[in-house]
């Protein structure tokens, strides 16, 4: 098994309240989860109106599949119109086979 952890930090320029932020964040998180049944959570900037950070856990049976999933997540994030990517950090876990 192969796994990776991704931290995605975004800026939400049109947000002027936490309610505006939730309107953008909720569908983003749900969409990421649908990309490949990923585990996703908002992990930072909870009280900031225009900033959010997400943690994404990605697992796959083989390295090639893991890379394909990482690429899908990155494309999904880059395609978001209501937010801009500030930073993406990707950490691959060691070989998790037995």
C-alpha atoms as a PDB file:
ATOM      1  CA  UNK A   1       0.000   0.000   0.000  1.00  0.00           C
ATOM      2  CA  UNK A   2       1.143   3.536  -0.765  1.00  0.00           C
ATOM      3  CA  UNK A   3      -0.088   6.712   0.935  1.00  0.00           C
ATOM      4  CA  UNK A   4       0.386  10.450   0.823  1.00  0.00           C
ATOM      5  CA  UNK A   5      -0.702  13.406   2.894  1.00  0.00           C
ATOM      6  CA  UNK A   6      -1.451  16.701   1.190  1.00  0.00           C
ATOM      7  CA  UNK A   7      -1.898  20.114   2.784  1.00  0.00           C
ATOM      8  CA  UNK A   8      -3.631  22.648   0.555  1.00  0.00           C
ATOM      9  CA  UNK A   9      -3.767  26.304   1.523  1.00  0.00           C
ATOM     10  CA  UNK A  10      -6.107  28.610  -0.390  1.00  0.00           C
ATOM     11  CA  UNK A  11      -7.192  32.241  -0.574  1.00  0.00           C
ATOM     12  CA  UNK A  12     -10.884  33.062  -1.077  1.00  0.00           C
ATOM     13  CA  UNK A  13     -10.837  36.667  -2.345  1.00  0.00           C
ATOM     14  CA  UNK A  14     -14.600  37.302  -2.603  1.00  0.00           C
ATOM     15  CA  UNK A  15     -15.337  36.156   0.945  1.00  0.00           C
ATOM     16  CA  UNK A  16     -16.335  38.948   3.312  1.00  0.00           C
ATOM     17  CA  UNK A  17     -17.594  36.810   6.194  1.00  0.00           C
ATOM     18  CA  UNK A  18     -17.315  33.347   7.668  1.00  0.00           C
ATOM     19  CA  UNK A  19     -20.695  32.587   6.080  1.00  0.00           C
ATOM     20  CA  UNK A  20     -19.275  33.476   2.640  1.00  0.00           C
ATOM     21  CA  UNK A  21     -16.270  31.298   3.355  1.00  0.00           C
ATOM     22  CA  UNK A  22     -18.472  28.303   4.292  1.00  0.00           C
ATOM     23  CA  UNK A  23     -20.439  28.778   1.045  1.00  0.00           C
ATOM     24  CA  UNK A  24     -17.176  28.152  -0.857  1.00  0.00           C
ATOM     25  CA  UNK A  25     -15.457  25.668   1.485  1.00  0.00           C
ATOM     26  CA  UNK A  26     -18.302  23.166   1.933  1.00  0.00           C
ATOM     27  CA  UNK A  27     -18.756  22.297  -1.778  1.00  0.00           C
ATOM     28  CA  UNK A  28     -14.973  22.273  -2.243  1.00  0.00           C
ATOM     29  CA  UNK A  29     -14.507  19.675   0.507  1.00  0.00           C
ATOM     30  CA  UNK A  30     -17.422  17.574  -0.749  1.00  0.00           C
ATOM     31  CA  UNK A  31     -16.009  17.704  -4.289  1.00  0.00           C
ATOM     32  CA  UNK A  32     -12.563  16.624  -3.106  1.00  0.00           C
ATOM     33  CA  UNK A  33     -14.120  13.688  -1.284  1.00  0.00           C
ATOM     34  CA  UNK A  34     -15.874  12.666  -4.507  1.00  0.00           C
ATOM     35  CA  UNK A  35     -12.659  12.824  -6.542  1.00  0.00           C
ATOM     36  CA  UNK A  36     -11.651   9.429  -5.178  1.00  0.00           C
ATOM     37  CA  UNK A  37     -13.304   8.769  -1.806  1.00  0.00           C
ATOM     38  CA  UNK A  38     -10.607  10.814  -0.074  1.00  0.00           C
ATOM     39  CA  UNK A  39     -10.431  11.807   3.553  1.00  0.00           C
ATOM     40  CA  UNK A  40     -10.519  15.622   3.687  1.00  0.00           C
ATOM     41  CA  UNK A  41     -10.656  18.080   6.561  1.00  0.00           C
ATOM     42  CA  UNK A  42     -10.278  21.828   7.034  1.00  0.00           C
ATOM     43  CA  UNK A  43      -7.190  22.011   9.253  1.00  0.00           C
ATOM     44  CA  UNK A  44      -6.313  25.690   9.712  1.00  0.00           C
ATOM     45  CA  UNK A  45      -7.518  29.305   9.432  1.00  0.00           C
ATOM     46  CA  UNK A  46     -10.964  28.448  10.832  1.00  0.00           C
ATOM     47  CA  UNK A  47     -11.675  32.047  11.878  1.00  0.00           C
ATOM     48  CA  UNK A  48     -10.164  33.765   8.819  1.00  0.00           C
ATOM     49  CA  UNK A  49     -12.661  34.959   6.204  1.00  0.00           C
ATOM     50  CA  UNK A  50     -10.459  34.656   3.138  1.00  0.00           C
ATOM     51  CA  UNK A  51      -8.099  31.856   4.037  1.00  0.00           C
ATOM     52  CA  UNK A  52      -8.461  28.100   4.465  1.00  0.00           C
ATOM     53  CA  UNK A  53      -6.187  25.085   4.735  1.00  0.00           C
ATOM     54  CA  UNK A  54      -7.172  21.488   4.090  1.00  0.00           C
ATOM     55  CA  UNK A  55      -5.602  18.153   4.883  1.00  0.00           C
ATOM     56  CA  UNK A  56      -6.121  15.346   2.379  1.00  0.00           C
ATOM     57  CA  UNK A  57      -5.222  11.692   2.961  1.00  0.00           C
ATOM     58  CA  UNK A  58      -4.653   9.617  -0.174  1.00  0.00           C
ATOM     59  CA  UNK A  59      -4.053   5.851  -0.271  1.00  0.00           C
ATOM     60  CA  UNK A  60      -3.615   3.417  -3.140  1.00  0.00           C
ATOM     61  CA  UNK A  61      -2.383  -0.142  -3.647  1.00  0.00           C
ATOM     62  CA  UNK A  62       0.452   0.879  -5.992  1.00  0.00           C
ATOM     63  CA  UNK A  63       2.705   3.905  -6.488  1.00  0.00           C
ATOM     64  CA  UNK A  64       1.384   4.627 -10.005  1.00  0.00           C
ATOM     65  CA  UNK A  65      -2.214   4.724  -8.765  1.00  0.00           C
ATOM     66  CA  UNK A  66      -1.218   6.975  -5.866  1.00  0.00           C
ATOM     67  CA  UNK A  67       0.423   9.409  -8.276  1.00  0.00           C
ATOM     68  CA  UNK A  68      -2.681   9.372 -10.474  1.00  0.00           C
ATOM     69  CA  UNK A  69      -4.829  10.275  -7.457  1.00  0.00           C
ATOM     70  CA  UNK A  70      -2.439  13.026  -6.378  1.00  0.00           C
ATOM     71  CA  UNK A  71      -2.608  14.462  -9.898  1.00  0.00           C
ATOM     72  CA  UNK A  72      -6.438  14.325  -9.865  1.00  0.00           C
ATOM     73  CA  UNK A  73      -6.552  16.182  -6.551  1.00  0.00           C
ATOM     74  CA  UNK A  74      -4.162  18.827  -7.845  1.00  0.00           C
ATOM     75  CA  UNK A  75      -6.208  19.321 -11.049  1.00  0.00           C
ATOM     76  CA  UNK A  76      -9.412  19.621  -9.021  1.00  0.00           C
ATOM     77  CA  UNK A  77      -7.841  22.229  -6.735  1.00  0.00           C
ATOM     78  CA  UNK A  78      -6.366  24.205  -9.628  1.00  0.00           C
ATOM     79  CA  UNK A  79      -9.753  24.262 -11.409  1.00  0.00           C
ATOM     80  CA  UNK A  80     -11.543  26.047  -8.563  1.00  0.00           C
ATOM     81  CA  UNK A  81     -12.710  29.486  -9.678  1.00  0.00           C
ATOM     82  CA  UNK A  82     -13.690  30.927  -6.291  1.00  0.00           C
ATOM     83  CA  UNK A  83     -10.316  30.349  -4.655  1.00  0.00           C
ATOM     84  CA  UNK A  84      -6.654  30.553  -5.492  1.00  0.00           C
ATOM     85  CA  UNK A  85      -3.990  28.150  -4.319  1.00  0.00           C
ATOM     86  CA  UNK A  86      -1.475  29.692  -1.924  1.00  0.00           C
ATOM     87  CA  UNK A  87       0.534  26.560  -1.147  1.00  0.00           C
ATOM     88  CA  UNK A  88       0.452  22.786  -1.606  1.00  0.00           C
ATOM     89  CA  UNK A  89       2.622  20.503   0.480  1.00  0.00           C
ATOM     90  CA  UNK A  90       2.791  16.822  -0.375  1.00  0.00           C
ATOM     91  CA  UNK A  91       4.356  14.149   1.813  1.00  0.00           C
ATOM     92  CA  UNK A  92       4.665  10.563   0.658  1.00  0.00           C
ATOM     93  CA  UNK A  93       4.583   7.904   3.343  1.00  0.00           C
ATOM     94  CA  UNK A  94       7.126   5.123   3.379  1.00  0.00           C
ATOM     95  CA  UNK A  95       6.220   1.781   1.835  1.00  0.00           C
ATOM     96  CA  UNK A  96       3.374   0.542   4.026  1.00  0.00           C
ATOM     97  CA  UNK A  97       3.376  -3.071   2.844  1.00  0.00           C
ATOM     98  CA  UNK A  98       3.637  -5.432   5.795  1.00  0.00           C
END
